[in-house]
Amino acid sequence: GWFRQAPGKKRELVAHITSSGRISYTDPVRGRFTISRDNAKNTVYL
């Protein structure tokens, strides 16, 4: 997953993807951000 922390705010979850590919987003980024993963490269993207 990806988290973010803005000045003066607590760290929040932005997006998460499970090993089976189930994805969730926080409401402010839904429709604008896309999380994906490449297991062969051990990489997650946002």
ModelCIF file with pLDDT and N, C-alpha, C, O atoms, coordinates in Angstrom:
data_MODEL
#
_entry.id   MODEL 
#
_entity.id                         1 
_entity.type                       polymer 
_entity.pdbx_number_of_molecules   1 
#
_entity_poly.entity_id                      1 
_entity_poly.type                           'polypeptide(L)' 
_entity_poly.nstd_linkage                   no 
_entity_poly.nstd_monomer                   no 
_entity_poly.pdbx_seq_one_letter_code       GWFRQAPGKKRELVAHITSSGRISYTDPVRGRFTISRDNAKNTVYL 
_entity_poly.pdbx_seq_one_letter_code_can   GWFRQAPGKKRELVAHITSSGRISYTDPVRGRFTISRDNAKNTVYL 
_entity_poly.pdbx_strand_id                 A 
#
loop_
_entity_poly_seq.entity_id 
_entity_poly_seq.num 
_entity_poly_seq.mon_id 
_entity_poly_seq.hetero 
1 1  GLY n 
1 2  TRP n 
1 3  PHE n 
1 4  ARG n 
1 5  GLN n 
1 6  ALA n 
1 7  PRO n 
1 8  GLY n 
1 9  LYS n 
1 10 LYS n 
1 11 ARG n 
1 12 GLU n 
1 13 LEU n 
1 14 VAL n 
1 15 ALA n 
1 16 HIS n 
1 17 ILE n 
1 18 THR n 
1 19 SER n 
1 20 SER n 
1 21 GLY n 
1 22 ARG n 
1 23 ILE n 
1 24 SER n 
1 25 TYR n 
1 26 THR n 
1 27 ASP n 
1 28 PRO n 
1 29 VAL n 
1 30 ARG n 
1 31 GLY n 
1 32 ARG n 
1 33 PHE n 
1 34 THR n 
1 35 ILE n 
1 36 SER n 
1 37 ARG n 
1 38 ASP n 
1 39 ASN n 
1 40 ALA n 
1 41 LYS n 
1 42 ASN n 
1 43 THR n 
1 44 VAL n 
1 45 TYR n 
1 46 LEU n 
#
_struct_asym.id          A 
_struct_asym.entity_id   1 
#
loop_
_ma_qa_metric.id 
_ma_qa_metric.mode 
_ma_qa_metric.name 
_ma_qa_metric.software_group_id 
_ma_qa_metric.type 
1 global pLDDT . pLDDT 
2 local  pLDDT . pLDDT 
#
_ma_qa_metric_global.metric_id      1 
_ma_qa_metric_global.metric_value   95.80 
_ma_qa_metric_global.model_id       1 
_ma_qa_metric_global.ordinal_id     1 
#
loop_
_ma_qa_metric_local.label_asym_id 
_ma_qa_metric_local.label_comp_id 
_ma_qa_metric_local.label_seq_id 
_ma_qa_metric_local.metric_id 
_ma_qa_metric_local.metric_value 
_ma_qa_metric_local.model_id 
_ma_qa_metric_local.ordinal_id 
A GLY 1  2 96.00 1 1  
A TRP 2  2 98.00 1 2  
A PHE 3  2 98.00 1 3  
A ARG 4  2 98.00 1 4  
A GLN 5  2 98.00 1 5  
A ALA 6  2 96.00 1 6  
A PRO 7  2 90.00 1 7  
A GLY 8  2 93.00 1 8  
A LYS 9  2 95.00 1 9  
A LYS 10 2 96.00 1 10 
A ARG 11 2 96.00 1 11 
A GLU 12 2 97.00 1 12 
A LEU 13 2 97.00 1 13 
A VAL 14 2 98.00 1 14 
A ALA 15 2 98.00 1 15 
A HIS 16 2 97.00 1 16 
A ILE 17 2 97.00 1 17 
A THR 18 2 95.00 1 18 
A SER 19 2 90.00 1 19 
A SER 20 2 91.00 1 20 
A GLY 21 2 92.00 1 21 
A ARG 22 2 96.00 1 22 
A ILE 23 2 98.00 1 23 
A SER 24 2 97.00 1 24 
A TYR 25 2 98.00 1 25 
A THR 26 2 97.00 1 26 
A ASP 27 2 97.00 1 27 
A PRO 28 2 97.00 1 28 
A VAL 29 2 98.00 1 29 
A ARG 30 2 98.00 1 30 
A GLY 31 2 98.00 1 31 
A ARG 32 2 98.00 1 32 
A PHE 33 2 98.00 1 33 
A THR 34 2 98.00 1 34 
A ILE 35 2 98.00 1 35 
A SER 36 2 97.00 1 36 
A ARG 37 2 95.00 1 37 
A ASP 38 2 93.00 1 38 
A ASN 39 2 90.00 1 39 
A ALA 40 2 90.00 1 40 
A LYS 41 2 93.00 1 41 
A ASN 42 2 92.00 1 42 
A THR 43 2 94.00 1 43 
A VAL 44 2 96.00 1 44 
A TYR 45 2 97.00 1 45 
A LEU 46 2 98.00 1 46 
#
loop_
_atom_site.group_PDB 
_atom_site.id 
_atom_site.type_symbol 
_atom_site.label_atom_id 
_atom_site.label_alt_id 
_atom_site.label_comp_id 
_atom_site.label_asym_id 
_atom_site.label_entity_id 
_atom_site.label_seq_id 
_atom_site.pdbx_PDB_ins_code 
_atom_site.Cartn_x 
_atom_site.Cartn_y 
_atom_site.Cartn_z 
_atom_site.occupancy 
_atom_site.B_iso_or_equiv 
_atom_site.pdbx_formal_charge 
_atom_site.auth_seq_id 
_atom_site.auth_comp_id 
_atom_site.auth_asym_id 
_atom_site.auth_atom_id 
_atom_site.pdbx_PDB_model_num 
ATOM 1   N N  . GLY A 1 1  ? 0.800   -1.202  0.000   1.00 96.00 ? 1  GLY A N  1 
ATOM 2   C CA . GLY A 1 1  ? 0.000   0.000   0.000   1.00 96.00 ? 1  GLY A CA 1 
ATOM 3   C C  . GLY A 1 1  ? 0.839   1.260   0.000   1.00 96.00 ? 1  GLY A C  1 
ATOM 4   O O  . GLY A 1 1  ? 2.059   1.237   0.162   1.00 96.00 ? 1  GLY A O  1 
ATOM 5   N N  . TRP A 1 2  ? 0.131   2.357   -0.189  1.00 98.00 ? 2  TRP A N  1 
ATOM 6   C CA . TRP A 1 2  ? 0.723   3.684   -0.124  1.00 98.00 ? 2  TRP A CA 1 
ATOM 7   C C  . TRP A 1 2  ? 0.014   4.483   0.948   1.00 98.00 ? 2  TRP A C  1 
ATOM 8   O O  . TRP A 1 2  ? -1.215  4.498   1.029   1.00 98.00 ? 2  TRP A O  1 
ATOM 9   N N  . PHE A 1 3  ? 0.808   5.144   1.767   1.00 98.00 ? 3  PHE A N  1 
ATOM 10  C CA . PHE A 1 3  ? 0.322   6.060   2.779   1.00 98.00 ? 3  PHE A CA 1 
ATOM 11  C C  . PHE A 1 3  ? 0.863   7.447   2.477   1.00 98.00 ? 3  PHE A C  1 
ATOM 12  O O  . PHE A 1 3  ? 1.816   7.597   1.713   1.00 98.00 ? 3  PHE A O  1 
ATOM 13  N N  . ARG A 1 4  ? 0.259   8.446   3.073   1.00 98.00 ? 4  ARG A N  1 
ATOM 14  C CA . ARG A 1 4  ? 0.793   9.790   2.946   1.00 98.00 ? 4  ARG A CA 1 
ATOM 15  C C  . ARG A 1 4  ? 0.595   10.554  4.239   1.00 98.00 ? 4  ARG A C  1 
ATOM 16  O O  . ARG A 1 4  ? -0.307  10.262  5.024   1.00 98.00 ? 4  ARG A O  1 
ATOM 17  N N  . GLN A 1 5  ? 1.452   11.534  4.445   1.00 98.00 ? 5  GLN A N  1 
ATOM 18  C CA . GLN A 1 5  ? 1.366   12.378  5.619   1.00 98.00 ? 5  GLN A CA 1 
ATOM 19  C C  . GLN A 1 5  ? 1.610   13.816  5.212   1.00 98.00 ? 5  GLN A C  1 
ATOM 20  O O  . GLN A 1 5  ? 2.698   14.172  4.759   1.00 98.00 ? 5  GLN A O  1 
ATOM 21  N N  . ALA A 1 6  ? 0.592   14.632  5.376   1.00 96.00 ? 6  ALA A N  1 
ATOM 22  C CA . ALA A 1 6  ? 0.675   16.052  5.082   1.00 96.00 ? 6  ALA A CA 1 
ATOM 23  C C  . ALA A 1 6  ? 1.068   16.806  6.343   1.00 96.00 ? 6  ALA A C  1 
ATOM 24  O O  . ALA A 1 6  ? 0.890   16.296  7.449   1.00 96.00 ? 6  ALA A O  1 
ATOM 25  N N  . PRO A 1 7  ? 1.599   18.013  6.192   1.00 90.00 ? 7  PRO A N  1 
ATOM 26  C CA . PRO A 1 7  ? 1.981   18.799  7.368   1.00 90.00 ? 7  PRO A CA 1 
ATOM 27  C C  . PRO A 1 7  ? 0.825   18.986  8.339   1.00 90.00 ? 7  PRO A C  1 
ATOM 28  O O  . PRO A 1 7  ? -0.268  19.392  7.946   1.00 90.00 ? 7  PRO A O  1 
ATOM 29  N N  . GLY A 1 8  ? 1.072   18.691  9.601   1.00 93.00 ? 8  GLY A N  1 
ATOM 30  C CA . GLY A 1 8  ? 0.064   18.861  10.624  1.00 93.00 ? 8  GLY A CA 1 
ATOM 31  C C  . GLY A 1 8  ? -0.994  17.785  10.682  1.00 93.00 ? 8  GLY A C  1 
ATOM 32  O O  . GLY A 1 8  ? -1.934  17.885  11.470  1.00 93.00 ? 8  GLY A O  1 
ATOM 33  N N  . LYS A 1 9  ? -0.860  16.754  9.859   1.00 95.00 ? 9  LYS A N  1 
ATOM 34  C CA . LYS A 1 9  ? -1.850  15.690  9.827   1.00 95.00 ? 9  LYS A CA 1 
ATOM 35  C C  . LYS A 1 9  ? -1.201  14.339  10.105  1.00 95.00 ? 9  LYS A C  1 
ATOM 36  O O  . LYS A 1 9  ? 0.008   14.167  9.955   1.00 95.00 ? 9  LYS A O  1 
ATOM 37  N N  . LYS A 1 10 ? -2.025  13.400  10.508  1.00 96.00 ? 10 LYS A N  1 
ATOM 38  C CA . LYS A 1 10 ? -1.560  12.046  10.739  1.00 96.00 ? 10 LYS A CA 1 
ATOM 39  C C  . LYS A 1 10 ? -1.412  11.304  9.419   1.00 96.00 ? 10 LYS A C  1 
ATOM 40  O O  . LYS A 1 10 ? -2.036  11.651  8.415   1.00 96.00 ? 10 LYS A O  1 
ATOM 41  N N  . ARG A 1 11 ? -0.580  10.286  9.445   1.00 96.00 ? 11 ARG A N  1 
ATOM 42  C CA . ARG A 1 11 ? -0.404  9.462   8.263   1.00 96.00 ? 11 ARG A CA 1 
ATOM 43  C C  . ARG A 1 11 ? -1.707  8.731   7.936   1.00 96.00 ? 11 ARG A C  1 
ATOM 44  O O  . ARG A 1 11 ? -2.359  8.182   8.824   1.00 96.00 ? 11 ARG A O  1 
ATOM 45  N N  . GLU A 1 12 ? -2.076  8.729   6.668   1.00 97.00 ? 12 GLU A N  1 
ATOM 46  C CA . GLU A 1 12 ? -3.305  8.090   6.242   1.00 97.00 ? 12 GLU A CA 1 
ATOM 47  C C  . GLU A 1 12 ? -3.049  7.129   5.098   1.00 97.00 ? 12 GLU A C  1 
ATOM 48  O O  . GLU A 1 12 ? -2.133  7.315   4.297   1.00 97.00 ? 12 GLU A O  1 
ATOM 49  N N  . LEU A 1 13 ? -3.863  6.117   5.040   1.00 97.00 ? 13 LEU A N  1 
ATOM 50  C CA . LEU A 1 13 ? -3.800  5.166   3.935   1.00 97.00 ? 13 LEU A CA 1 
ATOM 51  C C  . LEU A 1 13 ? -4.358  5.811   2.676   1.00 97.00 ? 13 LEU A C  1 
ATOM 52  O O  . LEU A 1 13 ? -5.434  6.409   2.697   1.00 97.00 ? 13 LEU A O  1 
ATOM 53  N N  . VAL A 1 14 ? -3.625  5.686   1.589   1.00 98.00 ? 14 VAL A N  1 
ATOM 54  C CA . VAL A 1 14 ? -4.063  6.207   0.295   1.00 98.00 ? 14 VAL A CA 1 
ATOM 55  C C  . VAL A 1 14 ? -4.667  5.105   -0.556  1.00 98.00 ? 14 VAL A C  1 
ATOM 56  O O  . VAL A 1 14 ? -5.770  5.249   -1.083  1.00 98.00 ? 14 VAL A O  1 
ATOM 57  N N  . ALA A 1 15 ? -3.947  4.018   -0.686  1.00 98.00 ? 15 ALA A N  1 
ATOM 58  C CA . ALA A 1 15 ? -4.388  2.901   -1.510  1.00 98.00 ? 15 ALA A CA 1 
ATOM 59  C C  . ALA A 1 15 ? -3.734  1.629   -1.023  1.00 98.00 ? 15 ALA A C  1 
ATOM 60  O O  . ALA A 1 15 ? -2.643  1.650   -0.453  1.00 98.00 ? 15 ALA A O  1 
ATOM 61  N N  . HIS A 1 16 ? -4.415  0.523   -1.255  1.00 97.00 ? 16 HIS A N  1 
ATOM 62  C CA . HIS A 1 16 ? -3.903  -0.764  -0.819  1.00 97.00 ? 16 HIS A CA 1 
ATOM 63  C C  . HIS A 1 16 ? -4.271  -1.822  -1.840  1.00 97.00 ? 16 HIS A C  1 
ATOM 64  O O  . HIS A 1 16 ? -5.340  -1.774  -2.450  1.00 97.00 ? 16 HIS A O  1 
ATOM 65  N N  . ILE A 1 17 ? -3.376  -2.775  -2.019  1.00 97.00 ? 17 ILE A N  1 
ATOM 66  C CA . ILE A 1 17 ? -3.643  -3.883  -2.920  1.00 97.00 ? 17 ILE A CA 1 
ATOM 67  C C  . ILE A 1 17 ? -3.184  -5.168  -2.253  1.00 97.00 ? 17 ILE A C  1 
ATOM 68  O O  . ILE A 1 17 ? -2.059  -5.252  -1.761  1.00 97.00 ? 17 ILE A O  1 
ATOM 69  N N  . THR A 1 18 ? -4.052  -6.164  -2.236  1.00 95.00 ? 18 THR A N  1 
ATOM 70  C CA . THR A 1 18 ? -3.736  -7.432  -1.606  1.00 95.00 ? 18 THR A CA 1 
ATOM 71  C C  . THR A 1 18 ? -2.988  -8.335  -2.575  1.00 95.00 ? 18 THR A C  1 
ATOM 72  O O  . THR A 1 18 ? -2.829  -8.012  -3.753  1.00 95.00 ? 18 THR A O  1 
ATOM 73  N N  . SER A 1 19 ? -2.533  -9.464  -2.062  1.00 90.00 ? 19 SER A N  1 
ATOM 74  C CA . SER A 1 19 ? -1.821  -10.423 -2.893  1.00 90.00 ? 19 SER A CA 1 
ATOM 75  C C  . SER A 1 19 ? -2.708  -10.990 -3.995  1.00 90.00 ? 19 SER A C  1 
ATOM 76  O O  . SER A 1 19 ? -2.207  -11.410 -5.039  1.00 90.00 ? 19 SER A O  1 
ATOM 77  N N  . SER A 1 20 ? -4.013  -11.006 -3.775  1.00 91.00 ? 20 SER A N  1 
ATOM 78  C CA . SER A 1 20 ? -4.951  -11.503 -4.771  1.00 91.00 ? 20 SER A CA 1 
ATOM 79  C C  . SER A 1 20 ? -5.438  -10.422 -5.726  1.00 91.00 ? 20 SER A C  1 
ATOM 80  O O  . SER A 1 20 ? -6.212  -10.702 -6.641  1.00 91.00 ? 20 SER A O  1 
ATOM 81  N N  . GLY A 1 21 ? -4.986  -9.183  -5.516  1.00 92.00 ? 21 GLY A N  1 
ATOM 82  C CA . GLY A 1 21 ? -5.344  -8.106  -6.411  1.00 92.00 ? 21 GLY A CA 1 
ATOM 83  C C  . GLY A 1 21 ? -6.515  -7.253  -5.986  1.00 92.00 ? 21 GLY A C  1 
ATOM 84  O O  . GLY A 1 21 ? -6.954  -6.390  -6.746  1.00 92.00 ? 21 GLY A O  1 
ATOM 85  N N  . ARG A 1 22 ? -7.034  -7.470  -4.794  1.00 96.00 ? 22 ARG A N  1 
ATOM 86  C CA . ARG A 1 22 ? -8.131  -6.643  -4.303  1.00 96.00 ? 22 ARG A CA 1 
ATOM 87  C C  . ARG A 1 22 ? -7.598  -5.267  -3.936  1.00 96.00 ? 22 ARG A C  1 
ATOM 88  O O  . ARG A 1 22 ? -6.595  -5.154  -3.231  1.00 96.00 ? 22 ARG A O  1 
ATOM 89  N N  . ILE A 1 23 ? -8.263  -4.225  -4.409  1.00 98.00 ? 23 ILE A N  1 
ATOM 90  C CA . ILE A 1 23 ? -7.779  -2.855  -4.292  1.00 98.00 ? 23 ILE A CA 1 
ATOM 91  C C  . ILE A 1 23 ? -8.770  -2.001  -3.520  1.00 98.00 ? 23 ILE A C  1 
ATOM 92  O O  . ILE A 1 23 ? -9.984  -2.144  -3.662  1.00 98.00 ? 23 ILE A O  1 
ATOM 93  N N  . SER A 1 24 ? -8.234  -1.123  -2.712  1.00 97.00 ? 24 SER A N  1 
ATOM 94  C CA . SER A 1 24 ? -9.048  -0.137  -2.031  1.00 97.00 ? 24 SER A CA 1 
ATOM 95  C C  . SER A 1 24 ? -8.364  1.219   -2.081  1.00 97.00 ? 24 SER A C  1 
ATOM 96  O O  . SER A 1 24 ? -7.138  1.302   -2.149  1.00 97.00 ? 24 SER A O  1 
ATOM 97  N N  . TYR A 1 25 ? -9.169  2.293   -2.048  1.00 98.00 ? 25 TYR A N  1 
ATOM 98  C CA . TYR A 1 25 ? -8.671  3.660   -2.069  1.00 98.00 ? 25 TYR A CA 1 
ATOM 99  C C  . TYR A 1 25 ? -9.367  4.480   -1.007  1.00 98.00 ? 25 TYR A C  1 
ATOM 100 O O  . TYR A 1 25 ? -10.508 4.207   -0.635  1.00 98.00 ? 25 TYR A O  1 
ATOM 101 N N  . THR A 1 26 ? -8.670  5.481   -0.528  1.00 97.00 ? 26 THR A N  1 
ATOM 102 C CA . THR A 1 26 ? -9.332  6.463   0.300   1.00 97.00 ? 26 THR A CA 1 
ATOM 103 C C  . THR A 1 26 ? -10.171 7.367   -0.597  1.00 97.00 ? 26 THR A C  1 
ATOM 104 O O  . THR A 1 26 ? -9.808  7.619   -1.746  1.00 97.00 ? 26 THR A O  1 
ATOM 105 N N  . ASP A 1 27 ? -11.282 7.849   -0.075  1.00 97.00 ? 27 ASP A N  1 
ATOM 106 C CA . ASP A 1 27 ? -12.239 8.595   -0.887  1.00 97.00 ? 27 ASP A CA 1 
ATOM 107 C C  . ASP A 1 27 ? -11.635 9.779   -1.653  1.00 97.00 ? 27 ASP A C  1 
ATOM 108 O O  . ASP A 1 27 ? -11.977 9.968   -2.820  1.00 97.00 ? 27 ASP A O  1 
ATOM 109 N N  . PRO A 1 28 ? -10.753 10.585  -1.045  1.00 97.00 ? 28 PRO A N  1 
ATOM 110 C CA . PRO A 1 28 ? -10.245 11.754  -1.776  1.00 97.00 ? 28 PRO A CA 1 
ATOM 111 C C  . PRO A 1 28 ? -9.467  11.444  -3.049  1.00 97.00 ? 28 PRO A C  1 
ATOM 112 O O  . PRO A 1 28 ? -9.330  12.313  -3.910  1.00 97.00 ? 28 PRO A O  1 
ATOM 113 N N  . VAL A 1 29 ? -8.952  10.219  -3.185  1.00 98.00 ? 29 VAL A N  1 
ATOM 114 C CA . VAL A 1 29 ? -8.147  9.901   -4.362  1.00 98.00 ? 29 VAL A CA 1 
ATOM 115 C C  . VAL A 1 29 ? -8.853  8.964   -5.324  1.00 98.00 ? 29 VAL A C  1 
ATOM 116 O O  . VAL A 1 29 ? -8.366  8.741   -6.433  1.00 98.00 ? 29 VAL A O  1 
ATOM 117 N N  . ARG A 1 30 ? -9.972  8.421   -4.930  1.00 98.00 ? 30 ARG A N  1 
ATOM 118 C CA . ARG A 1 30 ? -10.677 7.467   -5.773  1.00 98.00 ? 30 ARG A CA 1 
ATOM 119 C C  . ARG A 1 30 ? -11.067 8.106   -7.103  1.00 98.00 ? 30 ARG A C  1 
ATOM 120 O O  . ARG A 1 30 ? -11.650 9.190   -7.142  1.00 98.00 ? 30 ARG A O  1 
ATOM 121 N N  . GLY A 1 31 ? -10.735 7.417   -8.187  1.00 98.00 ? 31 GLY A N  1 
ATOM 122 C CA . GLY A 1 31 ? -10.992 7.940   -9.514  1.00 98.00 ? 31 GLY A CA 1 
ATOM 123 C C  . GLY A 1 31 ? -9.840  8.711   -10.102 1.00 98.00 ? 31 GLY A C  1 
ATOM 124 O O  . GLY A 1 31 ? -9.820  8.961   -11.308 1.00 98.00 ? 31 GLY A O  1 
ATOM 125 N N  . ARG A 1 32 ? -8.874  9.097   -9.283  1.00 98.00 ? 32 ARG A N  1 
ATOM 126 C CA . ARG A 1 32 ? -7.712  9.839   -9.757  1.00 98.00 ? 32 ARG A CA 1 
ATOM 127 C C  . ARG A 1 32 ? -6.419  9.039   -9.641  1.00 98.00 ? 32 ARG A C  1 
ATOM 128 O O  . ARG A 1 32 ? -5.525  9.170   -10.477 1.00 98.00 ? 32 ARG A O  1 
ATOM 129 N N  . PHE A 1 33 ? -6.322  8.214   -8.608  1.00 98.00 ? 33 PHE A N  1 
ATOM 130 C CA . PHE A 1 33 ? -5.116  7.427   -8.362  1.00 98.00 ? 33 PHE A CA 1 
ATOM 131 C C  . PHE A 1 33 ? -5.371  5.970   -8.715  1.00 98.00 ? 33 PHE A C  1 
ATOM 132 O O  . PHE A 1 33 ? -6.496  5.480   -8.610  1.00 98.00 ? 33 PHE A O  1 
ATOM 133 N N  . THR A 1 34 ? -4.319  5.289   -9.134  1.00 98.00 ? 34 THR A N  1 
ATOM 134 C CA . THR A 1 34 ? -4.396  3.876   -9.446  1.00 98.00 ? 34 THR A CA 1 
ATOM 135 C C  . THR A 1 34 ? -3.196  3.155   -8.851  1.00 98.00 ? 34 THR A C  1 
ATOM 136 O O  . THR A 1 34 ? -2.051  3.516   -9.119  1.00 98.00 ? 34 THR A O  1 
ATOM 137 N N  . ILE A 1 35 ? -3.460  2.143   -8.048  1.00 98.00 ? 35 ILE A N  1 
ATOM 138 C CA . ILE A 1 35 ? -2.395  1.325   -7.497  1.00 98.00 ? 35 ILE A CA 1 
ATOM 139 C C  . ILE A 1 35 ? -2.284  0.044   -8.314  1.00 98.00 ? 35 ILE A C  1 
ATOM 140 O O  . ILE A 1 35 ? -3.291  -0.513  -8.753  1.00 98.00 ? 35 ILE A O  1 
ATOM 141 N N  . SER A 1 36 ? -1.067  -0.413  -8.511  1.00 97.00 ? 36 SER A N  1 
ATOM 142 C CA . SER A 1 36 ? -0.829  -1.648  -9.235  1.00 97.00 ? 36 SER A CA 1 
ATOM 143 C C  . SER A 1 36 ? 0.445   -2.295  -8.712  1.00 97.00 ? 36 SER A C  1 
ATOM 144 O O  . SER A 1 36 ? 1.220   -1.674  -7.983  1.00 97.00 ? 36 SER A O  1 
ATOM 145 N N  . ARG A 1 37 ? 0.649   -3.539  -9.089  1.00 95.00 ? 37 ARG A N  1 
ATOM 146 C CA . ARG A 1 37 ? 1.834   -4.245  -8.619  1.00 95.00 ? 37 ARG A CA 1 
ATOM 147 C C  . ARG A 1 37 ? 2.392   -5.136  -9.710  1.00 95.00 ? 37 ARG A C  1 
ATOM 148 O O  . ARG A 1 37 ? 1.668   -5.599  -10.591 1.00 95.00 ? 37 ARG A O  1 
ATOM 149 N N  . ASP A 1 38 ? 3.684   -5.364  -9.634  1.00 93.00 ? 38 ASP A N  1 
ATOM 150 C CA . ASP A 1 38 ? 4.379   -6.267  -10.527 1.00 93.00 ? 38 ASP A CA 1 
ATOM 151 C C  . ASP A 1 38 ? 5.171   -7.208  -9.634  1.00 93.00 ? 38 ASP A C  1 
ATOM 152 O O  . ASP A 1 38 ? 6.256   -6.867  -9.163  1.00 93.00 ? 38 ASP A O  1 
ATOM 153 N N  . ASN A 1 39 ? 4.625   -8.385  -9.406  1.00 90.00 ? 39 ASN A N  1 
ATOM 154 C CA . ASN A 1 39 ? 5.256   -9.318  -8.478  1.00 90.00 ? 39 ASN A CA 1 
ATOM 155 C C  . ASN A 1 39 ? 6.627   -9.788  -8.955  1.00 90.00 ? 39 ASN A C  1 
ATOM 156 O O  . ASN A 1 39 ? 7.519   -10.028 -8.142  1.00 90.00 ? 39 ASN A O  1 
ATOM 157 N N  . ALA A 1 40 ? 6.796   -9.917  -10.250 1.00 90.00 ? 40 ALA A N  1 
ATOM 158 C CA . ALA A 1 40 ? 8.077   -10.353 -10.787 1.00 90.00 ? 40 ALA A CA 1 
ATOM 159 C C  . ALA A 1 40 ? 9.184   -9.354  -10.481 1.00 90.00 ? 40 ALA A C  1 
ATOM 160 O O  . ALA A 1 40 ? 10.351  -9.731  -10.371 1.00 90.00 ? 40 ALA A O  1 
ATOM 161 N N  . LYS A 1 41 ? 8.823   -8.090  -10.344 1.00 93.00 ? 41 LYS A N  1 
ATOM 162 C CA . LYS A 1 41 ? 9.791   -7.043  -10.057 1.00 93.00 ? 41 LYS A CA 1 
ATOM 163 C C  . LYS A 1 41 ? 9.772   -6.597  -8.602  1.00 93.00 ? 41 LYS A C  1 
ATOM 164 O O  . LYS A 1 41 ? 10.512  -5.693  -8.216  1.00 93.00 ? 41 LYS A O  1 
ATOM 165 N N  . ASN A 1 42 ? 8.930   -7.230  -7.797  1.00 92.00 ? 42 ASN A N  1 
ATOM 166 C CA . ASN A 1 42 ? 8.773   -6.838  -6.393  1.00 92.00 ? 42 ASN A CA 1 
ATOM 167 C C  . ASN A 1 42 ? 8.493   -5.344  -6.268  1.00 92.00 ? 42 ASN A C  1 
ATOM 168 O O  . ASN A 1 42 ? 9.091   -4.652  -5.445  1.00 92.00 ? 42 ASN A O  1 
ATOM 169 N N  . THR A 1 43 ? 7.589   -4.870  -7.086  1.00 94.00 ? 43 THR A N  1 
ATOM 170 C CA . THR A 1 43 ? 7.344   -3.441  -7.187  1.00 94.00 ? 43 THR A CA 1 
ATOM 171 C C  . THR A 1 43 ? 5.857   -3.130  -7.093  1.00 94.00 ? 43 THR A C  1 
ATOM 172 O O  . THR A 1 43 ? 5.020   -3.855  -7.630  1.00 94.00 ? 43 THR A O  1 
ATOM 173 N N  . VAL A 1 44 ? 5.547   -2.047  -6.408  1.00 96.00 ? 44 VAL A N  1 
ATOM 174 C CA . VAL A 1 44 ? 4.200   -1.508  -6.370  1.00 96.00 ? 44 VAL A CA 1 
ATOM 175 C C  . VAL A 1 44 ? 4.250   -0.085  -6.914  1.00 96.00 ? 44 VAL A C  1 
ATOM 176 O O  . VAL A 1 44 ? 5.208   0.648   -6.668  1.00 96.00 ? 44 VAL A O  1 
ATOM 177 N N  . TYR A 1 45 ? 3.217   0.301   -7.654  1.00 97.00 ? 45 TYR A N  1 
ATOM 178 C CA . TYR A 1 45 ? 3.153   1.610   -8.283  1.00 97.00 ? 45 TYR A CA 1 
ATOM 179 C C  . TYR A 1 45 ? 1.941   2.378   -7.783  1.00 97.00 ? 45 TYR A C  1 
ATOM 180 O O  . TYR A 1 45 ? 0.948   1.795   -7.347  1.00 97.00 ? 45 TYR A O  1 
ATOM 181 N N  . LEU A 1 46 ? 2.043   3.676   -7.857  1.00 98.00 ? 46 LEU A N  1 
ATOM 182 C CA . LEU A 1 46 ? 0.895   4.537   -7.626  1.00 98.00 ? 46 LEU A CA 1 
ATOM 183 C C  . LEU A 1 46 ? 0.869   5.589   -8.725  1.00 98.00 ? 46 LEU A C  1 
ATOM 184 O O  . LEU A 1 46 ? -0.020  6.440   -8.744  1.00 98.00 ? 46 LEU A O  1 
#
